[in-house]
Protein backbone atom coordinates (compact mmCIF):
# COMPACT_ATOMS: atom_id res chain seq x y z
CA MET A 1 -0.91 -80.59 3.64
CA ALA A 2 -1.58 -77.25 2.47
CA ARG A 3 -5.06 -77.59 2.11
CA ALA A 4 -5.57 -78.32 6.14
CA PHE A 5 -3.70 -75.35 6.81
CA TYR A 6 -5.54 -73.20 5.25
CA TRP A 7 -8.85 -74.49 6.51
CA LEU A 8 -7.76 -73.70 10.14
CA LEU A 9 -6.14 -70.47 9.35
CA PRO A 10 -8.38 -69.03 5.84
CA HIS A 11 -6.31 -65.93 6.76
CA PRO A 12 -3.20 -66.35 8.31
CA LEU A 13 -2.47 -62.58 8.50
CA LEU A 14 -5.60 -61.68 9.98
CA THR A 15 -5.10 -64.09 12.74
CA LEU A 16 -1.77 -62.49 13.44
CA LEU A 17 -3.29 -59.34 13.33
CA LEU A 18 -6.15 -60.08 15.90
CA ALA A 19 -3.31 -62.21 18.26
CA VAL A 20 -1.47 -59.03 18.37
CA VAL A 21 -4.39 -56.36 18.94
CA TRP A 22 -5.91 -58.79 21.67
CA THR A 23 -2.84 -58.41 23.35
CA LEU A 24 -2.00 -54.88 23.09
CA LEU A 25 -5.98 -54.07 24.19
CA GLN A 26 -5.52 -56.17 27.53
CA ASN A 27 -2.36 -53.97 28.64
CA GLU A 28 -1.13 -57.36 29.85
CA PHE A 29 1.44 -58.99 28.17
CA SER A 30 1.41 -62.64 29.59
CA ALA A 31 1.02 -66.12 28.22
CA GLY A 32 -2.73 -66.49 28.95
CA MET A 33 -3.41 -63.52 26.79
CA ILE A 34 -0.97 -64.26 24.31
CA VAL A 35 -2.62 -67.59 23.81
CA PHE A 36 -6.04 -66.10 23.88
CA GLY A 37 -5.60 -63.66 21.46
CA VAL A 38 -3.96 -66.37 19.07
CA ILE A 39 -7.28 -68.42 19.70
CA LEU A 40 -9.40 -65.55 18.81
CA GLY A 41 -7.29 -65.12 15.77
CA ILE A 42 -7.86 -68.74 14.78
CA ILE A 43 -11.77 -68.63 15.60
CA ILE A 44 -12.86 -65.46 14.17
CA PRO A 45 -11.35 -65.57 10.53
CA TRP A 46 -12.53 -69.34 10.36
CA GLY A 47 -15.88 -68.54 11.45
CA THR A 48 -16.42 -66.11 9.03
CA SER A 49 -14.28 -67.60 6.07
CA VAL A 50 -18.06 -68.24 4.77
CA TRP A 51 -18.34 -64.66 4.13
CA TRP A 52 -14.85 -64.25 2.32
CA PRO A 53 -15.17 -66.44 -0.60
CA ASP A 54 -12.53 -64.43 -2.31
CA THR A 55 -9.41 -63.92 -0.76
CA PRO A 56 -7.38 -61.51 -2.58
CA LYS A 57 -4.56 -62.46 -4.73
CA GLY A 58 -1.09 -61.55 -5.82
CA PHE A 59 -1.56 -58.45 -2.86
CA ARG A 60 1.75 -57.12 -2.05
CA LEU A 61 2.20 -56.12 1.65
CA GLY A 62 5.36 -53.92 1.34
CA LYS A 63 4.36 -51.48 -1.59
CA MET A 64 1.15 -51.34 0.44
CA THR A 65 2.69 -50.07 3.19
CA THR A 66 4.50 -47.58 1.30
CA TYR A 67 1.12 -46.57 0.15
CA SER A 68 -0.05 -46.26 3.90
CA ILE A 69 2.45 -43.84 4.50
CA MET A 70 1.75 -41.72 1.48
CA VAL A 71 -1.95 -41.78 2.44
CA LEU A 72 -1.14 -40.61 5.55
CA TRP A 73 0.73 -37.78 4.76
CA ASP A 74 -1.82 -36.96 2.41
CA ILE A 75 -4.32 -36.79 5.06
CA VAL A 76 -2.01 -34.51 7.03
CA VAL A 77 -1.43 -32.08 4.15
CA ALA A 78 -5.12 -32.01 3.51
CA ASN A 79 -6.09 -31.27 6.77
CA VAL A 80 -3.88 -28.07 6.84
CA GLN A 81 -5.28 -27.40 3.49
CA VAL A 82 -9.29 -27.57 4.57
CA ALA A 83 -8.10 -25.56 7.51
CA TRP A 84 -7.03 -22.96 5.30
CA ILE A 85 -10.13 -23.06 3.27
CA VAL A 86 -12.93 -22.99 6.38
CA LEU A 87 -10.67 -20.15 8.13
CA SER A 88 -10.04 -18.26 4.76
CA VAL A 89 -12.47 -18.48 1.89
CA PRO A 90 -15.97 -17.58 2.79
CA ASN A 91 -19.02 -19.98 1.86
CA SER A 92 -19.94 -17.94 -0.70
CA LYS A 93 -16.82 -18.11 -2.63
CA LEU A 94 -16.75 -21.79 -2.31
CA LYS A 95 -16.76 -24.23 -5.46
CA PRO A 96 -17.77 -27.48 -4.48
CA ALA A 97 -17.87 -29.75 -7.07
CA TRP A 98 -19.25 -33.26 -8.08
CA ILE A 99 -16.52 -35.37 -10.10
CA VAL A 100 -16.81 -39.05 -12.08
CA VAL A 101 -13.48 -40.91 -11.37
CA PRO A 102 -13.35 -44.17 -14.19
CA LEU A 103 -12.06 -46.88 -12.57
CA GLU A 104 -9.60 -49.33 -14.13
CA LEU A 105 -9.97 -51.34 -11.08
CA ARG A 106 -12.10 -54.67 -11.31
CA GLN A 107 -11.26 -56.20 -7.69
CA PRO A 108 -13.92 -55.29 -4.93
CA GLU A 109 -11.23 -54.93 -2.76
CA ALA A 110 -9.12 -52.57 -4.38
CA ILE A 111 -12.07 -50.34 -5.21
CA THR A 112 -12.69 -50.58 -1.81
CA VAL A 113 -9.36 -49.50 -0.51
CA LEU A 114 -9.50 -46.48 -2.81
CA ALA A 115 -13.10 -45.23 -1.91
CA GLY A 116 -11.76 -45.13 1.43
CA THR A 117 -8.69 -43.49 0.55
CA ILE A 118 -10.60 -40.85 -1.09
CA THR A 119 -12.70 -40.57 2.09
CA LEU A 120 -10.32 -40.48 4.67
CA THR A 121 -8.38 -37.27 2.93
CA PRO A 122 -10.52 -34.27 4.27
CA GLY A 123 -12.01 -32.33 1.81
CA THR A 124 -13.41 -35.23 -0.62
CA VAL A 125 -16.01 -38.20 0.08
CA SER A 126 -16.69 -40.81 -2.21
CA ALA A 127 -20.11 -41.22 -2.71
CA ASP A 128 -21.13 -43.35 -4.89
CA LEU A 129 -19.99 -46.70 -7.16
CA SER A 130 -21.99 -46.69 -10.69
CA GLU A 131 -24.19 -49.38 -10.99
CA HIS A 132 -21.43 -51.76 -13.21
CA GLY A 133 -18.67 -50.53 -11.09
CA ASN A 134 -16.84 -48.83 -13.72
CA SER A 135 -16.90 -45.33 -11.80
CA LEU A 136 -16.78 -43.49 -8.60
CA LEU A 137 -18.76 -40.71 -7.77
CA VAL A 138 -16.61 -38.05 -5.76
CA HIS A 139 -17.64 -34.90 -3.83
CA VAL A 140 -14.54 -32.03 -3.33
CA LEU A 141 -15.18 -29.51 -1.16
CA HIS A 142 -13.15 -26.78 -2.85
CA THR A 143 -11.93 -26.62 -6.20
CA ASP A 144 -10.91 -24.65 -9.27
CA ASP A 145 -10.22 -27.37 -11.37
CA PRO A 146 -12.21 -30.74 -11.12
CA ASP A 147 -10.62 -32.30 -13.93
CA ALA A 148 -7.20 -31.74 -11.99
CA VAL A 149 -8.44 -33.53 -9.13
CA ARG A 150 -9.78 -36.29 -10.99
CA ASP A 151 -6.66 -36.71 -12.70
CA ASP A 152 -4.87 -36.58 -9.34
CA ILE A 153 -6.92 -39.18 -7.91
CA ILE A 154 -6.01 -41.63 -10.85
CA SER A 155 -2.26 -41.15 -11.24
CA ARG A 156 -1.81 -40.91 -7.12
CA TYR A 157 -4.21 -43.65 -5.94
CA GLN A 158 -5.81 -45.58 -8.36
CA ASN A 159 -2.59 -46.41 -10.68
CA ARG A 160 -0.58 -47.10 -7.42
CA LEU A 161 -3.35 -49.84 -6.69
CA LYS A 162 -3.30 -51.37 -9.89
CA GLU A 163 0.07 -52.56 -8.97
CA PHE A 164 -1.39 -53.96 -5.64
CA PHE A 165 -4.11 -55.75 -6.94
CA LYS A 166 -2.10 -57.67 -9.90
């Protein structure tokens, strides 16, 4: 029975998310729109499941919610910091840096979330992943201490992601 369930719904949370997003985008809350959203929520993950050979195992949604709230807060704070840098630091005094962040994460999904988190936070961009996937190259707009930025990324983001993607 479980095998049939996962054959029909290879990604149940994605099915639910697609159905809800479809209904919200329609600006019309009716039975027909909900049914059509559920149909899309079944067909799209089922049709694309060929390209999803390894689904993440052991993903913890509750902890990821707290991580998302922390990242949203960091984005707000970084926006203020970048605005301050742009308004108060002349270009000649900017101290950009390239930082190599060693990765302890091995799951591609976890590395993608880390790289996305870094890029979403203003003032930093994840630029490259090493060939073997053991380090991430990050560009920082302005820093006096690149090692502190690296340590902050590791402690604030990577260590938390290790807990979520066990």
